[in-house]
Amino acid sequence: MQKSNKSIAGYHLLMILSMVDYKFNADEELVIKDYMATEFPFRMNLDDEMEKIAALQPFEWRDHFTFHAQCFCEDSTEEERKNFFEFAQALVGADGELDPREDEYLEILKSTCNL
């Protein structure tokens, strides 16, 4: 896999987090849109990134998530990592439930970024 910059890596992380419980709702979409508005103040075409994510099989999610967590953490400051973790927590809490798989992925992010 080719290394991603922190903004693209963050997009991958949030999209995977939105998928691991096999449910996607409008509130999760709002969190992702809020992240995108923060990280991409100009219009950016993320179709290629979405195609990469959509092509993943569920058994590939964890490795993909871990790789992009490493990319994000390498390119971000401690403050940016803390802010991003708040986005991640908001996303998994958007549906009012914390699935064990979501918690597992949050733990991967915390561990990878030393949070």
PDB file of N, CA and C in Angstrom:
ATOM      1  N   MET A   1       0.830  -1.175   0.000  1.00  0.00           N
ATOM      2  CA  MET A   1       0.000   0.000   0.000  1.00  0.00           C
ATOM      3  C   MET A   1       0.878   1.242   0.000  1.00  0.00           C
ATOM      4  N   GLN A   2       0.422   2.244  -0.694  1.00  0.00           N
ATOM      5  CA  GLN A   2       1.150   3.500  -0.744  1.00  0.00           C
ATOM      6  C   GLN A   2       0.770   4.361   0.456  1.00  0.00           C
ATOM      7  N   LYS A   3       1.779   4.975   1.083  1.00  0.00           N
ATOM      8  CA  LYS A   3       1.547   5.821   2.253  1.00  0.00           C
ATOM      9  C   LYS A   3       0.592   6.961   1.896  1.00  0.00           C
ATOM     10  N   SER A   4      -0.288   7.273   2.821  1.00  0.00           N
ATOM     11  CA  SER A   4      -1.246   8.365   2.649  1.00  0.00           C
ATOM     12  C   SER A   4      -0.867   9.534   3.540  1.00  0.00           C
ATOM     13  N   ASN A   5      -1.259  10.748   3.120  1.00  0.00           N
ATOM     14  CA  ASN A   5      -1.072  11.886   4.018  1.00  0.00           C
ATOM     15  C   ASN A   5      -2.119  11.797   5.126  1.00  0.00           C
ATOM     16  N   LYS A   6      -1.972  12.617   6.141  1.00  0.00           N
ATOM     17  CA  LYS A   6      -2.838  12.470   7.326  1.00  0.00           C
ATOM     18  C   LYS A   6      -4.314  12.695   7.021  1.00  0.00           C
ATOM     19  N   SER A   7      -4.637  13.611   6.136  1.00  0.00           N
ATOM     20  CA  SER A   7      -6.047  13.881   5.836  1.00  0.00           C
ATOM     21  C   SER A   7      -6.702  12.695   5.138  1.00  0.00           C
ATOM     22  N   ILE A   8      -6.023  12.142   4.149  1.00  0.00           N
ATOM     23  CA  ILE A   8      -6.547  10.972   3.433  1.00  0.00           C
ATOM     24  C   ILE A   8      -6.589   9.772   4.364  1.00  0.00           C
ATOM     25  N   ALA A   9      -5.548   9.593   5.152  1.00  0.00           N
ATOM     26  CA  ALA A   9      -5.524   8.486   6.111  1.00  0.00           C
ATOM     27  C   ALA A   9      -6.693   8.605   7.088  1.00  0.00           C
ATOM     28  N   GLY A  10      -6.951   9.812   7.573  1.00  0.00           N
ATOM     29  CA  GLY A  10      -8.077  10.023   8.485  1.00  0.00           C
ATOM     30  C   GLY A  10      -9.398   9.668   7.842  1.00  0.00           C
ATOM     31  N   TYR A  11      -9.556  10.004   6.584  1.00  0.00           N
ATOM     32  CA  TYR A  11     -10.776   9.649   5.844  1.00  0.00           C
ATOM     33  C   TYR A  11     -10.932   8.129   5.796  1.00  0.00           C
ATOM     34  N   HIS A  12      -9.859   7.418   5.476  1.00  0.00           N
ATOM     35  CA  HIS A  12      -9.913   5.948   5.456  1.00  0.00           C
ATOM     36  C   HIS A  12     -10.282   5.399   6.827  1.00  0.00           C
ATOM     37  N   LEU A  13      -9.677   5.951   7.862  1.00  0.00           N
ATOM     38  CA  LEU A  13      -9.951   5.474   9.224  1.00  0.00           C
ATOM     39  C   LEU A  13     -11.425   5.645   9.586  1.00  0.00           C
ATOM     40  N   LEU A  14     -11.966   6.817   9.329  1.00  0.00           N
ATOM     41  CA  LEU A  14     -13.371   7.054   9.672  1.00  0.00           C
ATOM     42  C   LEU A  14     -14.309   6.185   8.841  1.00  0.00           C
ATOM     43  N   MET A  15     -13.994   6.006   7.580  1.00  0.00           N
ATOM     44  CA  MET A  15     -14.853   5.164   6.733  1.00  0.00           C
ATOM     45  C   MET A  15     -14.837   3.715   7.216  1.00  0.00           C
ATOM     46  N   ILE A  16     -13.680   3.209   7.570  1.00  0.00           N
ATOM     47  CA  ILE A  16     -13.600   1.836   8.093  1.00  0.00           C
ATOM     48  C   ILE A  16     -14.362   1.748   9.414  1.00  0.00           C
ATOM     49  N   LEU A  17     -14.167   2.734  10.285  1.00  0.00           N
ATOM     50  CA  LEU A  17     -14.900   2.733  11.561  1.00  0.00           C
ATOM     51  C   LEU A  17     -16.404   2.720  11.338  1.00  0.00           C
ATOM     52  N   SER A  18     -16.854   3.385  10.291  1.00  0.00           N
ATOM     53  CA  SER A  18     -18.294   3.416  10.022  1.00  0.00           C
ATOM     54  C   SER A  18     -18.807   2.072   9.499  1.00  0.00           C
ATOM     55  N   MET A  19     -17.907   1.218   9.040  1.00  0.00           N
ATOM     56  CA  MET A  19     -18.315  -0.044   8.431  1.00  0.00           C
ATOM     57  C   MET A  19     -18.207  -1.241   9.361  1.00  0.00           C
ATOM     58  N   VAL A  20     -17.356  -1.191  10.385  1.00  0.00           N
ATOM     59  CA  VAL A  20     -17.041  -2.397  11.145  1.00  0.00           C
ATOM     60  C   VAL A  20     -18.222  -2.996  11.896  1.00  0.00           C
ATOM     61  N   ASP A  21     -19.256  -2.207  12.162  1.00  0.00           N
ATOM     62  CA  ASP A  21     -20.445  -2.764  12.819  1.00  0.00           C
ATOM     63  C   ASP A  21     -21.510  -3.177  11.801  1.00  0.00           C
ATOM     64  N   TYR A  22     -21.167  -3.067  10.524  1.00  0.00           N
ATOM     65  CA  TYR A  22     -22.052  -3.448   9.410  1.00  0.00           C
ATOM     66  C   TYR A  22     -23.331  -2.613   9.360  1.00  0.00           C
ATOM     67  N   LYS A  23     -23.291  -1.430   9.979  1.00  0.00           N
ATOM     68  CA  LYS A  23     -24.420  -0.501   9.936  1.00  0.00           C
ATOM     69  C   LYS A  23     -23.858   0.885   9.626  1.00  0.00           C
ATOM     70  N   PHE A  24     -24.589   1.639   8.859  1.00  0.00           N
ATOM     71  CA  PHE A  24     -24.173   3.008   8.567  1.00  0.00           C
ATOM     72  C   PHE A  24     -25.413   3.876   8.684  1.00  0.00           C
ATOM     73  N   ASN A  25     -25.309   4.961   9.447  1.00  0.00           N
ATOM     74  CA  ASN A  25     -26.470   5.838   9.574  1.00  0.00           C
ATOM     75  C   ASN A  25     -26.100   7.286   9.261  1.00  0.00           C
ATOM     76  N   ALA A  26     -27.103   8.090   9.159  1.00  0.00           N
ATOM     77  CA  ALA A  26     -26.919   9.491   8.755  1.00  0.00           C
ATOM     78  C   ALA A  26     -26.061  10.269   9.750  1.00  0.00           C
ATOM     79  N   ASP A  27     -26.142   9.947  11.030  1.00  0.00           N
ATOM     80  CA  ASP A  27     -25.342  10.656  12.027  1.00  0.00           C
ATOM     81  C   ASP A  27     -23.848  10.379  11.845  1.00  0.00           C
ATOM     82  N   GLU A  28     -23.518   9.156  11.445  1.00  0.00           N
ATOM     83  CA  GLU A  28     -22.114   8.845  11.158  1.00  0.00           C
ATOM     84  C   GLU A  28     -21.638   9.639   9.937  1.00  0.00           C
ATOM     85  N   GLU A  29     -22.495   9.728   8.961  1.00  0.00           N
ATOM     86  CA  GLU A  29     -22.164  10.487   7.758  1.00  0.00           C
ATOM     87  C   GLU A  29     -21.879  11.956   8.103  1.00  0.00           C
ATOM     88  N   LEU A  30     -22.649  12.510   9.041  1.00  0.00           N
ATOM     89  CA  LEU A  30     -22.429  13.906   9.454  1.00  0.00           C
ATOM     90  C   LEU A  30     -21.056  14.092  10.099  1.00  0.00           C
ATOM     91  N   VAL A  31     -20.622  13.111  10.892  1.00  0.00           N
ATOM     92  CA  VAL A  31     -19.302  13.199  11.520  1.00  0.00           C
ATOM     93  C   VAL A  31     -18.220  13.182  10.440  1.00  0.00           C
ATOM     94  N   ILE A  32     -18.376  12.311   9.458  1.00  0.00           N
ATOM     95  CA  ILE A  32     -17.396  12.233   8.376  1.00  0.00           C
ATOM     96  C   ILE A  32     -17.392  13.525   7.568  1.00  0.00           C
ATOM     97  N   LYS A  33     -18.565  14.071   7.302  1.00  0.00           N
ATOM     98  CA  LYS A  33     -18.636  15.340   6.568  1.00  0.00           C
ATOM     99  C   LYS A  33     -17.993  16.468   7.359  1.00  0.00           C
ATOM    100  N   ASP A  34     -18.183  16.469   8.671  1.00  0.00           N
ATOM    101  CA  ASP A  34     -17.563  17.481   9.524  1.00  0.00           C
ATOM    102  C   ASP A  34     -16.037  17.360   9.462  1.00  0.00           C
ATOM    103  N   TYR A  35     -15.537  16.140   9.515  1.00  0.00           N
ATOM    104  CA  TYR A  35     -14.088  15.911   9.394  1.00  0.00           C
ATOM    105  C   TYR A  35     -13.581  16.427   8.049  1.00  0.00           C
ATOM    106  N   MET A  36     -14.306  16.096   6.999  1.00  0.00           N
ATOM    107  CA  MET A  36     -13.888  16.508   5.665  1.00  0.00           C
ATOM    108  C   MET A  36     -13.873  18.027   5.539  1.00  0.00           C
ATOM    109  N   ALA A  37     -14.847  18.685   6.120  1.00  0.00           N
ATOM    110  CA  ALA A  37     -14.894  20.146   6.067  1.00  0.00           C
ATOM    111  C   ALA A  37     -13.704  20.752   6.812  1.00  0.00           C
ATOM    112  N   THR A  38     -13.277  20.082   7.867  1.00  0.00           N
ATOM    113  CA  THR A  38     -12.132  20.549   8.651  1.00  0.00           C
ATOM    114  C   THR A  38     -10.825  20.303   7.914  1.00  0.00           C
ATOM    115  N   GLU A  39     -10.685  19.116   7.340  1.00  0.00           N
ATOM    116  CA  GLU A  39      -9.423  18.716   6.716  1.00  0.00           C
ATOM    117  C   GLU A  39      -9.287  19.128   5.252  1.00  0.00           C
ATOM    118  N   PHE A  40     -10.405  19.275   4.587  1.00  0.00           N
ATOM    119  CA  PHE A  40     -10.387  19.606   3.164  1.00  0.00           C
ATOM    120  C   PHE A  40     -11.207  20.878   2.944  1.00  0.00           C
ATOM    121  N   PRO A  41     -10.655  22.037   3.268  1.00  0.00           N
ATOM    122  CA  PRO A  41     -11.426  23.279   3.153  1.00  0.00           C
ATOM    123  C   PRO A  41     -11.811  23.617   1.710  1.00  0.00           C
ATOM    124  N   PHE A  42     -11.196  22.949   0.778  1.00  0.00           N
ATOM    125  CA  PHE A  42     -11.537  23.114  -0.636  1.00  0.00           C
ATOM    126  C   PHE A  42     -12.177  21.808  -1.116  1.00  0.00           C
ATOM    127  N   ARG A  43     -12.916  21.872  -2.175  1.00  0.00           N
ATOM    128  CA  ARG A  43     -13.580  20.680  -2.721  1.00  0.00           C
ATOM    129  C   ARG A  43     -12.533  19.693  -3.215  1.00  0.00           C
ATOM    130  N   MET A  44     -12.633  18.462  -2.761  1.00  0.00           N
ATOM    131  CA  MET A  44     -11.673  17.447  -3.164  1.00  0.00           C
ATOM    132  C   MET A  44     -12.425  16.207  -3.615  1.00  0.00           C
ATOM    133  N   ASN A  45     -11.979  15.609  -4.677  1.00  0.00           N
ATOM    134  CA  ASN A  45     -12.591  14.402  -5.192  1.00  0.00           C
ATOM    135  C   ASN A  45     -11.971  13.193  -4.484  1.00  0.00           C
ATOM    136  N   LEU A  46     -12.774  12.519  -3.693  1.00  0.00           N
ATOM    137  CA  LEU A  46     -12.297  11.355  -2.955  1.00  0.00           C
ATOM    138  C   LEU A  46     -12.838  10.050  -3.553  1.00  0.00           C
ATOM    139  N   ASP A  47     -13.298  10.105  -4.801  1.00  0.00           N
ATOM    140  CA  ASP A  47     -13.853   8.908  -5.431  1.00  0.00           C
ATOM    141  C   ASP A  47     -12.848   7.763  -5.480  1.00  0.00           C
ATOM    142  N   ASP A  48     -11.598   8.068  -5.802  1.00  0.00           N
ATOM    143  CA  ASP A  48     -10.579   7.014  -5.858  1.00  0.00           C
ATOM    144  C   ASP A  48     -10.380   6.375  -4.483  1.00  0.00           C
ATOM    145  N   GLU A  49     -10.400   7.204  -3.454  1.00  0.00           N
ATOM    146  CA  GLU A  49     -10.230   6.683  -2.095  1.00  0.00           C
ATOM    147  C   GLU A  49     -11.428   5.818  -1.708  1.00  0.00           C
ATOM    148  N   MET A  50     -12.628   6.265  -2.061  1.00  0.00           N
ATOM    149  CA  MET A  50     -13.820   5.487  -1.751  1.00  0.00           C
ATOM    150  C   MET A  50     -13.797   4.148  -2.488  1.00  0.00           C
ATOM    151  N   GLU A  51     -13.320   4.132  -3.715  1.00  0.00           N
ATOM    152  CA  GLU A  51     -13.218   2.874  -4.466  1.00  0.00           C
ATOM    153  C   GLU A  51     -12.273   1.900  -3.772  1.00  0.00           C
ATOM    154  N   LYS A  52     -11.151   2.404  -3.271  1.00  0.00           N
ATOM    155  CA  LYS A  52     -10.205   1.553  -2.543  1.00  0.00           C
ATOM    156  C   LYS A  52     -10.860   0.955  -1.308  1.00  0.00           C
ATOM    157  N   ILE A  53     -11.589   1.775  -0.586  1.00  0.00           N
ATOM    158  CA  ILE A  53     -12.234   1.319   0.646  1.00  0.00           C
ATOM    159  C   ILE A  53     -13.340   0.325   0.321  1.00  0.00           C
ATOM    160  N   ALA A  54     -14.155   0.640  -0.676  1.00  0.00           N
ATOM    161  CA  ALA A  54     -15.274  -0.233  -1.050  1.00  0.00           C
ATOM    162  C   ALA A  54     -14.795  -1.586  -1.564  1.00  0.00           C
ATOM    163  N   ALA A  55     -13.609  -1.646  -2.139  1.00  0.00           N
ATOM    164  CA  ALA A  55     -13.085  -2.892  -2.685  1.00  0.00           C
ATOM    165  C   ALA A  55     -12.575  -3.846  -1.597  1.00  0.00           C
ATOM    166  N   LEU A  56     -12.423  -3.342  -0.379  1.00  0.00           N
ATOM    167  CA  LEU A  56     -11.908  -4.177   0.710  1.00  0.00           C
ATOM    168  C   LEU A  56     -12.934  -5.214   1.149  1.00  0.00           C
ATOM    169  N   GLN A  57     -12.448  -6.381   1.452  1.00  0.00           N
ATOM    170  CA  GLN A  57     -13.271  -7.417   2.069  1.00  0.00           C
ATOM    171  C   GLN A  57     -13.195  -7.224   3.581  1.00  0.00           C
ATOM    172  N   PRO A  58     -14.219  -7.621   4.323  1.00  0.00           N
ATOM    173  CA  PRO A  58     -14.180  -7.420   5.779  1.00  0.00           C
ATOM    174  C   PRO A  58     -12.913  -7.950   6.460  1.00  0.00           C
ATOM    175  N   PHE A  59     -12.375  -9.059   5.973  1.00  0.00           N
ATOM    176  CA  PHE A  59     -11.164  -9.591   6.603  1.00  0.00           C
ATOM    177  C   PHE A  59      -9.944  -8.703   6.356  1.00  0.00           C
ATOM    178  N   GLU A  60     -10.034  -7.751   5.434  1.00  0.00           N
ATOM    179  CA  GLU A  60      -8.939  -6.830   5.128  1.00  0.00           C
ATOM    180  C   GLU A  60      -9.030  -5.514   5.914  1.00  0.00           C
ATOM    181  N   TRP A  61     -10.164  -5.253   6.526  1.00  0.00           N
ATOM    182  CA  TRP A  61     -10.387  -3.975   7.194  1.00  0.00           C
ATOM    183  C   TRP A  61      -9.346  -3.664   8.260  1.00  0.00           C
ATOM    184  N   ARG A  62      -9.059  -4.652   9.100  1.00  0.00           N
ATOM    185  CA  ARG A  62      -8.153  -4.411  10.227  1.00  0.00           C
ATOM    186  C   ARG A  62      -6.758  -3.993   9.742  1.00  0.00           C
ATOM    187  N   ASP A  63      -6.194  -4.720   8.794  1.00  0.00           N
ATOM    188  CA  ASP A  63      -4.867  -4.367   8.279  1.00  0.00           C
ATOM    189  C   ASP A  63      -4.879  -2.996   7.602  1.00  0.00           C
ATOM    190  N   HIS A  64      -5.929  -2.723   6.841  1.00  0.00           N
ATOM    191  CA  HIS A  64      -6.054  -1.434   6.166  1.00  0.00           C
ATOM    192  C   HIS A  64      -6.153  -0.308   7.201  1.00  0.00           C
ATOM    193  N   PHE A  65      -6.942  -0.536   8.221  1.00  0.00           N
ATOM    194  CA  PHE A  65      -7.114   0.448   9.291  1.00  0.00           C
ATOM    195  C   PHE A  65      -5.786   0.694   9.997  1.00  0.00           C
ATOM    196  N   THR A  66      -5.093  -0.367  10.352  1.00  0.00           N
ATOM    197  CA  THR A  66      -3.814  -0.241  11.055  1.00  0.00           C
ATOM    198  C   THR A  66      -2.791   0.508  10.212  1.00  0.00           C
ATOM    199  N   PHE A  67      -2.720   0.191   8.923  1.00  0.00           N
ATOM    200  CA  PHE A  67      -1.797   0.876   8.029  1.00  0.00           C
ATOM    201  C   PHE A  67      -2.085   2.379   7.987  1.00  0.00           C
ATOM    202  N   HIS A  68      -3.354   2.740   7.829  1.00  0.00           N
ATOM    203  CA  HIS A  68      -3.697   4.156   7.736  1.00  0.00           C
ATOM    204  C   HIS A  68      -3.587   4.854   9.095  1.00  0.00           C
ATOM    205  N   ALA A  69      -3.763   4.127  10.180  1.00  0.00           N
ATOM    206  CA  ALA A  69      -3.519   4.717  11.503  1.00  0.00           C
ATOM    207  C   ALA A  69      -2.041   5.083  11.628  1.00  0.00           C
ATOM    208  N   GLN A  70      -1.156   4.206  11.135  1.00  0.00           N
ATOM    209  CA  GLN A  70       0.276   4.505  11.162  1.00  0.00           C
ATOM    210  C   GLN A  70       0.586   5.731  10.299  1.00  0.00           C
ATOM    211  N   CYS A  71      -0.007   5.792   9.103  1.00  0.00           N
ATOM    212  CA  CYS A  71       0.201   6.961   8.232  1.00  0.00           C
ATOM    213  C   CYS A  71      -0.254   8.233   8.930  1.00  0.00           C
ATOM    214  N   PHE A  72      -1.447   8.185   9.527  1.00  0.00           N
ATOM    215  CA  PHE A  72      -1.993   9.363  10.193  1.00  0.00           C
ATOM    216  C   PHE A  72      -1.075   9.805  11.335  1.00  0.00           C
ATOM    217  N   CYS A  73      -0.672   8.854  12.151  1.00  0.00           N
ATOM    218  CA  CYS A  73       0.126   9.197  13.331  1.00  0.00           C
ATOM    219  C   CYS A  73       1.502   9.724  12.968  1.00  0.00           C
ATOM    220  N   GLU A  74       2.090   9.207  11.891  1.00  0.00           N
ATOM    221  CA  GLU A  74       3.406   9.680  11.456  1.00  0.00           C
ATOM    222  C   GLU A  74       3.356  11.133  10.973  1.00  0.00           C
ATOM    223  N   ASP A  75       2.240  11.538  10.395  1.00  0.00           N
ATOM    224  CA  ASP A  75       2.136  12.867   9.785  1.00  0.00           C
ATOM    225  C   ASP A  75       1.408  13.896  10.639  1.00  0.00           C
ATOM    226  N   SER A  76       1.061  13.557  11.858  1.00  0.00           N
ATOM    227  CA  SER A  76       0.255  14.472  12.669  1.00  0.00           C
ATOM    228  C   SER A  76       0.961  14.846  13.966  1.00  0.00           C
ATOM    229  N   THR A  77       0.515  15.951  14.511  1.00  0.00           N
ATOM    230  CA  THR A  77       1.010  16.379  15.819  1.00  0.00           C
ATOM    231  C   THR A  77       0.178  15.689  16.899  1.00  0.00           C
ATOM    232  N   GLU A  78       0.636  15.783  18.116  1.00  0.00           N
ATOM    233  CA  GLU A  78      -0.110  15.196  19.228  1.00  0.00           C
ATOM    234  C   GLU A  78      -1.511  15.810  19.315  1.00  0.00           C
ATOM    235  N   GLU A  79      -1.599  17.106  19.144  1.00  0.00           N
ATOM    236  CA  GLU A  79      -2.900  17.792  19.193  1.00  0.00           C
ATOM    237  C   GLU A  79      -3.817  17.296  18.074  1.00  0.00           C
ATOM    238  N   GLU A  80      -3.279  17.132  16.874  1.00  0.00           N
ATOM    239  CA  GLU A  80      -4.089  16.624  15.759  1.00  0.00           C
ATOM    240  C   GLU A  80      -4.562  15.202  16.019  1.00  0.00           C
ATOM    241  N   ARG A  81      -3.706  14.389  16.634  1.00  0.00           N
ATOM    242  CA  ARG A  81      -4.111  13.009  16.962  1.00  0.00           C
ATOM    243  C   ARG A  81      -5.239  13.003  17.991  1.00  0.00           C
ATOM    244  N   LYS A  82      -5.133  13.866  18.989  1.00  0.00           N
ATOM    245  CA  LYS A  82      -6.194  13.956  19.997  1.00  0.00           C
ATOM    246  C   LYS A  82      -7.506  14.429  19.369  1.00  0.00           C
ATOM    247  N   ASN A  83      -7.426  15.443  18.512  1.00  0.00           N
ATOM    248  CA  ASN A  83      -8.636  15.941  17.835  1.00  0.00           C
ATOM    249  C   ASN A  83      -9.251  14.871  16.949  1.00  0.00           C
ATOM    250  N   PHE A  84      -8.410  14.143  16.234  1.00  0.00           N
ATOM    251  CA  PHE A  84      -8.929  13.097  15.364  1.00  0.00           C
ATOM    252  C   PHE A  84      -9.599  12.003  16.183  1.00  0.00           C
ATOM    253  N   PHE A  85      -9.011  11.647  17.314  1.00  0.00           N
ATOM    254  CA  PHE A  85      -9.615  10.615  18.155  1.00  0.00           C
ATOM    255  C   PHE A  85     -11.006  11.043  18.619  1.00  0.00           C
ATOM    256  N   GLU A  86     -11.200  12.331  18.837  1.00  0.00           N
ATOM    257  CA  GLU A  86     -12.536  12.823  19.187  1.00  0.00           C
ATOM    258  C   GLU A  86     -13.513  12.605  18.032  1.00  0.00           C
ATOM    259  N   PHE A  87     -13.069  12.825  16.790  1.00  0.00           N
ATOM    260  CA  PHE A  87     -13.906  12.523  15.625  1.00  0.00           C
ATOM    261  C   PHE A  87     -14.246  11.029  15.604  1.00  0.00           C
ATOM    262  N   ALA A  88     -13.244  10.198  15.839  1.00  0.00           N
ATOM    263  CA  ALA A  88     -13.461   8.749  15.815  1.00  0.00           C
ATOM    264  C   ALA A  88     -14.460   8.330  16.894  1.00  0.00           C
ATOM    265  N   GLN A  89     -14.328   8.882  18.088  1.00  0.00           N
ATOM    266  CA  GLN A  89     -15.269   8.565  19.164  1.00  0.00           C
ATOM    267  C   GLN A  89     -16.679   9.054  18.826  1.00  0.00           C
ATOM    268  N   ALA A  90     -16.771  10.245  18.257  1.00  0.00           N
ATOM    269  CA  ALA A  90     -18.083  10.770  17.868  1.00  0.00           C
ATOM    270  C   ALA A  90     -18.726   9.876  16.811  1.00  0.00           C
ATOM    271  N   LEU A  91     -17.918   9.381  15.894  1.00  0.00           N
ATOM    272  CA  LEU A  91     -18.450   8.534  14.839  1.00  0.00           C
ATOM    273  C   LEU A  91     -19.015   7.233  15.413  1.00  0.00           C
ATOM    274  N   VAL A  92     -18.245   6.549  16.255  1.00  0.00           N
ATOM    275  CA  VAL A  92     -18.740   5.269  16.776  1.00  0.00           C
ATOM    276  C   VAL A  92     -19.903   5.463  17.751  1.00  0.00           C
ATOM    277  N   GLY A  93     -19.997   6.636  18.344  1.00  0.00           N
ATOM    278  CA  GLY A  93     -21.107   6.908  19.258  1.00  0.00           C
ATOM    279  C   GLY A  93     -22.319   7.514  18.577  1.00  0.00           C
ATOM    280  N   ALA A  94     -22.215   7.790  17.287  1.00  0.00           N
ATOM    281  CA  ALA A  94     -23.293   8.485  16.577  1.00  0.00           C
ATOM    282  C   ALA A  94     -24.597   7.710  16.554  1.00  0.00           C
ATOM    283  N   ASP A  95     -24.518   6.389  16.563  1.00  0.00           N
ATOM    284  CA  ASP A  95     -25.743   5.592  16.523  1.00  0.00           C
ATOM    285  C   ASP A  95     -26.232   5.200  17.917  1.00  0.00           C
ATOM    286  N   GLY A  96     -25.551   5.687  18.955  1.00  0.00           N
ATOM    287  CA  GLY A  96     -25.974   5.418  20.327  1.00  0.00           C
ATOM    288  C   GLY A  96     -25.548   4.055  20.845  1.00  0.00           C
ATOM    289  N   GLU A  97     -24.767   3.323  20.056  1.00  0.00           N
ATOM    290  CA  GLU A  97     -24.304   1.997  20.467  1.00  0.00           C
ATOM    291  C   GLU A  97     -22.806   1.891  20.211  1.00  0.00           C
ATOM    292  N   LEU A  98     -22.112   1.171  21.082  1.00  0.00           N
ATOM    293  CA  LEU A  98     -20.692   0.899  20.857  1.00  0.00           C
ATOM    294  C   LEU A  98     -20.540  -0.596  20.628  1.00  0.00           C
ATOM    295  N   ASP A  99     -20.380  -0.959  19.390  1.00  0.00           N
ATOM    296  CA  ASP A  99     -20.177  -2.355  19.006  1.00  0.00           C
ATOM    297  C   ASP A  99     -18.779  -2.775  19.452  1.00  0.00           C
ATOM    298  N   PRO A 100     -18.595  -4.009  19.902  1.00  0.00           N
ATOM    299  CA  PRO A 100     -17.253  -4.460  20.303  1.00  0.00           C
ATOM    300  C   PRO A 100     -16.206  -4.300  19.200  1.00  0.00           C
ATOM    301  N   ARG A 101     -16.604  -4.449  17.953  1.00  0.00           N
ATOM    302  CA  ARG A 101     -15.645  -4.265  16.851  1.00  0.00           C
ATOM    303  C   ARG A 101     -15.219  -2.797  16.754  1.00  0.00           C
ATOM    304  N   GLU A 102     -16.159  -1.884  16.983  1.00  0.00           N
ATOM    305  CA  GLU A 102     -15.806  -0.462  16.968  1.00  0.00           C
ATOM    306  C   GLU A 102     -14.817  -0.160  18.087  1.00  0.00           C
ATOM    307  N   ASP A 103     -15.076  -0.715  19.257  1.00  0.00           N
ATOM    308  CA  ASP A 103     -14.182  -0.518  20.389  1.00  0.00           C
ATOM    309  C   ASP A 103     -12.799  -1.081  20.083  1.00  0.00           C
ATOM    310  N   GLU A 104     -12.745  -2.227  19.438  1.00  0.00           N
ATOM    311  CA  GLU A 104     -11.474  -2.845  19.056  1.00  0.00           C
ATOM    312  C   GLU A 104     -10.676  -1.923  18.129  1.00  0.00           C
ATOM    313  N   TYR A 105     -11.338  -1.329  17.164  1.00  0.00           N
ATOM    314  CA  TYR A 105     -10.660  -0.435  16.220  1.00  0.00           C
ATOM    315  C   TYR A 105     -10.229   0.864  16.897  1.00  0.00           C
ATOM    316  N   LEU A 106     -11.032   1.360  17.829  1.00  0.00           N
ATOM    317  CA  LEU A 106     -10.607   2.539  18.590  1.00  0.00           C
ATOM    318  C   LEU A 106      -9.346   2.231  19.388  1.00  0.00           C
ATOM    319  N   GLU A 107      -9.278   1.035  19.921  1.00  0.00           N
ATOM    320  CA  GLU A 107      -8.092   0.622  20.677  1.00  0.00           C
ATOM    321  C   GLU A 107      -6.861   0.539  19.775  1.00  0.00           C
ATOM    322  N   ILE A 108      -7.045   0.065  18.546  1.00  0.00           N
ATOM    323  CA  ILE A 108      -5.935   0.029  17.583  1.00  0.00           C
ATOM    324  C   ILE A 108      -5.440   1.452  17.345  1.00  0.00           C
ATOM    325  N   LEU A 109      -6.366   2.370  17.147  1.00  0.00           N
ATOM    326  CA  LEU A 109      -5.999   3.766  16.907  1.00  0.00           C
ATOM    327  C   LEU A 109      -5.268   4.344  18.117  1.00  0.00           C
ATOM    328  N   LYS A 110      -5.801   4.112  19.302  1.00  0.00           N
ATOM    329  CA  LYS A 110      -5.159   4.630  20.524  1.00  0.00           C
ATOM    330  C   LYS A 110      -3.751   4.063  20.673  1.00  0.00           C
ATOM    331  N   SER A 111      -3.610   2.792  20.463  1.00  0.00           N
ATOM    332  CA  SER A 111      -2.319   2.135  20.606  1.00  0.00           C
ATOM    333  C   SER A 111      -1.311   2.632  19.570  1.00  0.00           C
ATOM    334  N   THR A 112      -1.753   2.715  18.327  1.00  0.00           N
ATOM    335  CA  THR A 112      -0.870   3.138  17.239  1.00  0.00           C
ATOM    336  C   THR A 112      -0.397   4.574  17.428  1.00  0.00           C
ATOM    337  N   CYS A 113      -1.293   5.431  17.912  1.00  0.00           N
ATOM    338  CA  CYS A 113      -0.977   6.860  18.061  1.00  0.00           C
ATOM    339  C   CYS A 113      -0.521   7.222  19.472  1.00  0.00           C
ATOM    340  N   ASN A 114      -0.346   6.216  20.336  1.00  0.00           N
ATOM    341  CA  ASN A 114       0.076   6.467  21.713  1.00  0.00           C
ATOM    342  C   ASN A 114      -0.826   7.465  22.432  1.00  0.00           C
ATOM    343  N   LEU A 115      -2.115   7.250  22.334  1.00  0.00           N
ATOM    344  CA  LEU A 115      -3.091   8.131  23.000  1.00  0.00           C
ATOM    345  C   LEU A 115      -3.496   7.549  24.336  1.00  0.00           C
TER     346      LEU A 115
END
